[in-house]
N, C-alpha and C. Protein backbone atom coordinates (compact mmCIF):
# COMPACT_ATOMS: atom_id res chain seq x y z
N UNK A 1 38.49 46.63 6.24
CA UNK A 1 39.69 45.77 6.68
C UNK A 1 40.36 46.72 7.77
N UNK A 2 40.72 47.92 7.09
CA UNK A 2 41.72 48.81 7.74
C UNK A 2 40.98 49.39 9.03
N UNK A 3 39.44 49.69 8.86
CA UNK A 3 39.01 50.39 10.01
C UNK A 3 39.44 49.05 11.00
N UNK A 4 39.18 48.14 11.03
CA UNK A 4 39.03 47.06 12.02
C UNK A 4 40.50 47.05 12.87
N UNK A 5 41.38 47.35 11.70
CA UNK A 5 43.00 47.00 12.25
C UNK A 5 43.65 48.36 13.01
N UNK A 6 42.50 49.15 13.14
CA UNK A 6 42.93 50.59 14.01
C UNK A 6 42.01 50.85 15.02
N UNK A 7 42.15 51.53 16.48
CA UNK A 7 41.14 52.00 17.17
C UNK A 7 40.87 53.60 16.48
N UNK A 8 39.79 53.99 16.93
CA UNK A 8 39.21 55.39 16.81
C UNK A 8 40.10 56.16 17.52
N UNK A 9 40.22 57.62 16.94
CA UNK A 9 40.71 58.64 17.82
C UNK A 9 40.24 58.74 18.98
N UNK A 10 38.82 58.66 18.91
CA UNK A 10 38.07 58.94 20.01
C UNK A 10 38.58 57.84 21.57
N UNK A 11 38.69 56.62 20.33
CA UNK A 11 38.89 55.39 21.70
C UNK A 11 40.51 55.81 22.10
N UNK A 12 41.45 56.43 21.66
CA UNK A 12 42.62 56.26 21.92
C UNK A 12 42.74 57.37 23.08
N UNK A 13 41.92 58.60 22.54
CA UNK A 13 42.23 59.79 23.64
C UNK A 13 41.19 59.23 24.97
N UNK A 14 40.22 58.64 24.63
CA UNK A 14 39.72 58.12 26.03
C UNK A 14 40.11 57.18 26.85
N UNK A 15 41.33 56.32 25.80
CA UNK A 15 41.94 55.32 26.98
C UNK A 15 42.83 56.02 27.60
N UNK A 16 43.67 57.09 26.91
CA UNK A 16 44.65 58.15 27.48
C UNK A 16 44.31 58.74 28.51
N UNK A 17 42.96 59.48 28.53
CA UNK A 17 42.53 59.83 29.74
C UNK A 17 42.19 58.72 30.69
N UNK A 18 41.92 57.42 30.46
CA UNK A 18 41.58 56.73 31.53
C UNK A 18 42.67 56.26 32.46
N UNK A 19 44.01 56.43 31.53
CA UNK A 19 45.35 56.07 32.20
C UNK A 19 45.88 57.20 32.82
N UNK A 20 45.14 58.47 33.16
CA UNK A 20 45.70 59.17 33.69
C UNK A 20 46.51 60.48 32.93
N UNK A 21 46.09 60.48 31.73
CA UNK A 21 46.88 61.54 30.80
C UNK A 21 45.96 62.42 31.01
N UNK A 22 46.27 63.84 30.75
CA UNK A 22 45.53 65.11 30.52
C UNK A 22 46.06 66.01 29.33
N UNK A 23 45.86 67.06 29.09
CA UNK A 23 46.23 67.93 27.90
C UNK A 23 46.69 67.02 26.59
N UNK A 24 45.53 66.20 26.04
CA UNK A 24 45.65 65.17 25.15
C UNK A 24 45.54 66.13 23.81
N UNK A 25 46.22 65.97 22.98
CA UNK A 25 46.23 66.71 21.72
C UNK A 25 46.63 65.50 20.71
N UNK A 26 45.64 65.72 19.58
CA UNK A 26 45.95 64.42 18.33
C UNK A 26 46.70 65.47 17.28
N UNK A 27 47.68 64.87 16.34
CA UNK A 27 48.13 65.68 15.49
C UNK A 27 48.25 64.62 14.09
N UNK A 28 47.70 65.50 12.98
CA UNK A 28 48.20 64.46 11.74
C UNK A 28 49.17 64.94 11.09
N UNK A 29 49.84 63.96 10.38
CA UNK A 29 50.96 64.42 9.60
C UNK A 29 50.75 63.63 8.08
N UNK A 30 51.30 63.90 7.15
CA UNK A 30 51.26 63.15 5.59
C UNK A 30 52.50 63.19 5.47
N UNK A 31 53.31 62.05 5.09
CA UNK A 31 54.25 61.80 4.64
C UNK A 31 54.17 61.32 3.20
N UNK A 32 54.89 61.55 2.39
CA UNK A 32 55.16 61.36 0.84
C UNK A 32 55.73 60.33 0.80
N UNK A 33 54.99 58.97 0.48
CA UNK A 33 55.56 57.31 0.28
C UNK A 33 56.16 57.20 -0.92
N UNK A 34 55.73 57.98 -2.04
CA UNK A 34 56.09 57.92 -3.33
C UNK A 34 55.44 58.86 -4.41
N UNK A 35 56.33 59.05 -5.61
CA UNK A 35 56.00 60.11 -6.49
C UNK A 35 55.80 59.12 -7.65
N UNK A 36 54.87 58.85 -8.39
CA UNK A 36 54.68 58.37 -9.55
C UNK A 36 54.67 59.16 -10.82
N UNK A 37 55.90 59.12 -11.55
CA UNK A 37 56.01 59.77 -13.15
C UNK A 37 54.61 59.51 -13.86
N UNK A 38 54.01 58.59 -13.96
CA UNK A 38 52.88 58.32 -14.54
C UNK A 38 52.15 57.37 -13.87
N UNK A 39 50.80 57.45 -14.13
CA UNK A 39 50.04 56.14 -14.08
C UNK A 39 50.33 54.94 -14.10
N UNK A 40 50.70 54.54 -15.32
CA UNK A 40 51.41 53.43 -15.63
C UNK A 40 52.37 52.72 -14.23
N UNK A 41 53.33 53.59 -13.79
CA UNK A 41 54.08 53.26 -12.94
C UNK A 41 53.39 53.10 -11.60
N UNK A 42 52.30 54.08 -11.42
CA UNK A 42 51.81 53.70 -10.13
C UNK A 42 50.77 52.40 -10.55
N UNK A 43 50.45 51.70 -11.40
CA UNK A 43 49.56 50.85 -11.27
C UNK A 43 50.43 49.75 -11.48
N UNK A 44 51.63 49.49 -12.25
CA UNK A 44 52.52 48.48 -12.06
C UNK A 44 53.09 48.37 -10.27
N UNK A 45 53.36 49.31 -9.66
CA UNK A 45 53.33 49.49 -8.22
C UNK A 45 52.39 48.60 -7.37
N UNK A 46 51.00 48.95 -7.97
CA UNK A 46 50.06 48.30 -7.08
C UNK A 46 49.70 46.95 -7.18
N UNK A 47 50.36 46.70 -8.60
CA UNK A 47 49.99 45.44 -9.07
C UNK A 47 51.00 44.23 -8.56
N UNK A 48 52.43 44.83 -8.09
CA UNK A 48 53.38 44.03 -7.39
C UNK A 48 53.33 44.16 -5.99
N UNK A 49 51.91 44.74 -5.56
CA UNK A 49 51.69 44.77 -4.08
C UNK A 49 52.98 45.40 -3.52
N UNK A 50 53.85 46.57 -3.82
CA UNK A 50 54.66 47.16 -3.07
C UNK A 50 54.16 48.16 -2.00
N UNK A 51 54.94 47.82 -0.41
CA UNK A 51 54.71 48.79 0.00
C UNK A 51 53.16 49.21 0.73
N UNK A 52 52.35 48.42 0.50
CA UNK A 52 51.02 48.33 1.18
C UNK A 52 50.31 47.27 1.61
N UNK A 53 50.35 46.92 3.09
CA UNK A 53 50.16 45.71 3.50
C UNK A 53 48.72 45.33 3.29
N UNK A 54 47.75 46.03 2.67
CA UNK A 54 46.36 46.00 2.69
C UNK A 54 46.16 45.10 1.08
N UNK A 55 47.28 45.30 0.45
CA UNK A 55 46.97 44.62 -1.05
C UNK A 55 47.38 42.95 -0.76
N UNK A 56 47.98 42.72 -0.02
CA UNK A 56 48.21 41.39 0.13
C UNK A 56 46.93 40.43 0.57
N UNK A 57 46.06 41.29 1.19
CA UNK A 57 45.05 40.63 1.64
C UNK A 57 43.98 40.43 0.40
N UNK A 58 43.97 40.89 -0.66
CA UNK A 58 43.54 40.72 -1.77
C UNK A 58 44.03 39.89 -2.80
N UNK A 59 42.68 38.76 -3.09
CA UNK A 59 43.40 38.18 -4.21
C UNK A 59 43.65 38.56 -5.39
N UNK A 60 44.08 37.74 -6.30
CA UNK A 60 44.35 38.22 -7.62
C UNK A 60 43.54 39.03 -8.66
N UNK A 61 42.24 38.71 -8.66
CA UNK A 61 41.04 38.96 -9.39
C UNK A 61 40.96 40.36 -8.60
N UNK A 62 40.98 40.35 -7.24
CA UNK A 62 40.41 41.55 -6.47
C UNK A 62 41.06 42.71 -6.91
N UNK A 63 42.75 42.37 -6.64
CA UNK A 63 43.64 43.28 -6.88
C UNK A 63 43.38 44.19 -8.38
N UNK A 64 43.37 43.11 -9.23
CA UNK A 64 43.11 43.57 -10.88
C UNK A 64 41.72 44.50 -10.94
N UNK A 65 40.69 44.23 -9.82
CA UNK A 65 39.57 45.00 -10.22
C UNK A 65 39.79 46.56 -9.68
N UNK A 66 40.58 46.60 -8.23
CA UNK A 66 41.05 47.80 -7.95
C UNK A 66 42.07 48.59 -8.93
N UNK A 67 43.11 48.04 -9.70
CA UNK A 67 43.70 48.17 -10.22
C UNK A 67 42.72 49.04 -11.35
N UNK A 68 42.15 48.26 -12.13
CA UNK A 68 41.05 48.99 -13.26
C UNK A 68 40.39 49.88 -12.92
N UNK A 69 39.86 50.15 -11.64
CA UNK A 69 38.85 51.37 -10.75
C UNK A 69 40.28 52.50 -10.85
N UNK A 70 41.17 52.13 -10.26
CA UNK A 70 41.92 53.44 -9.98
C UNK A 70 42.65 53.67 -11.46
N UNK A 71 42.71 53.23 -12.32
CA UNK A 71 43.10 53.75 -13.73
C UNK A 71 41.97 54.29 -14.43
N UNK A 72 40.90 54.06 -14.30
CA UNK A 72 39.57 55.12 -14.80
C UNK A 72 39.56 55.85 -14.04
N UNK A 73 39.78 55.95 -12.72
CA UNK A 73 39.81 57.21 -11.76
C UNK A 73 40.67 58.46 -12.29
N UNK A 74 41.89 58.16 -12.53
CA UNK A 74 43.07 58.92 -12.88
C UNK A 74 42.72 59.10 -14.50
N UNK A 75 42.63 60.52 -14.80
CA UNK A 75 42.70 60.90 -15.72
C UNK A 75 43.26 61.76 -16.52
N UNK A 76 44.38 62.29 -15.90
CA UNK A 76 45.58 63.27 -16.18
C UNK A 76 46.84 62.68 -16.06
N UNK A 77 47.55 62.42 -16.79
CA UNK A 77 49.04 61.99 -17.06
C UNK A 77 49.81 63.10 -16.40
N UNK A 78 50.29 62.89 -15.04
CA UNK A 78 51.14 63.92 -14.47
C UNK A 78 51.70 63.14 -13.22
N UNK A 79 52.36 63.81 -12.49
CA UNK A 79 53.03 63.05 -11.32
C UNK A 79 51.96 63.01 -10.24
N UNK A 80 52.09 61.67 -9.86
CA UNK A 80 51.14 61.23 -8.75
C UNK A 80 51.59 61.05 -7.51
N UNK A 81 51.18 61.96 -6.57
CA UNK A 81 51.89 61.77 -5.15
C UNK A 81 51.46 61.06 -4.31
N UNK A 82 51.91 59.68 -3.83
CA UNK A 82 50.93 58.90 -3.11
C UNK A 82 51.27 59.21 -1.75
N UNK A 83 50.63 59.26 -0.61
CA UNK A 83 50.80 59.81 0.87
C UNK A 83 50.19 58.75 1.67
N UNK A 84 51.15 59.04 2.82
CA UNK A 84 50.31 57.91 4.14
C UNK A 84 50.01 59.09 4.97
N UNK A 85 48.84 58.83 5.48
CA UNK A 85 48.45 59.59 7.09
C UNK A 85 48.86 58.91 8.01
N UNK A 86 49.79 59.63 9.26
CA UNK A 86 50.05 59.10 10.44
C UNK A 86 49.36 59.95 11.34
N UNK A 87 48.66 59.46 12.35
CA UNK A 87 48.11 60.33 13.82
C UNK A 87 49.12 59.86 15.14
N UNK A 88 49.43 61.28 15.61
CA UNK A 88 50.23 61.12 16.67
C UNK A 88 49.47 61.87 17.80
N UNK A 89 49.32 61.33 18.84
CA UNK A 89 48.77 61.53 20.00
C UNK A 89 49.80 61.92 21.28
N UNK A 90 49.39 63.21 21.87
CA UNK A 90 50.50 63.74 22.65
C UNK A 90 49.79 63.94 23.99
N UNK A 91 50.08 63.52 25.24
CA UNK A 91 49.49 63.83 26.64
C UNK A 91 50.36 63.88 27.29
N UNK A 92 49.87 64.56 28.77
CA UNK A 92 50.64 64.86 29.81
C UNK A 92 50.46 63.86 30.74
N UNK A 93 51.16 63.04 31.62
CA UNK A 93 50.85 62.19 32.95
C UNK A 93 50.16 63.00 33.96
N UNK A 94 49.24 62.70 34.59
CA UNK A 94 49.07 63.63 35.73
C UNK A 94 49.83 62.93 37.19
C-alpha cells in the first residue's frame, strides 16, 4: 500500500529532468517520531493507531496480527526509537 502511494526516486528525478531541471540531488533525512520507553508503550501506540496513516487502512484483526508480530520481534526491553524517513530532491532550473 505504501509503495502505491509514492513515486520512486528514479521517477521523481526523471520528471525533474523532463521539466528542465539539472544538478538533481536526492537527500534522505531521518526524523525521530517518538521514543517509546518500553515495548508495551509502543504496542499501545500502534493499537491506538496514533500518528501512522497506514494503520487506519488495517482491519482490527489485521492490526492485532501486526501488533503480535512486532511484540515477537522486539526481544529487549529498552528505549525504542521510532523514526520516519523523508526524501528531499534538490535541483536547479535550466
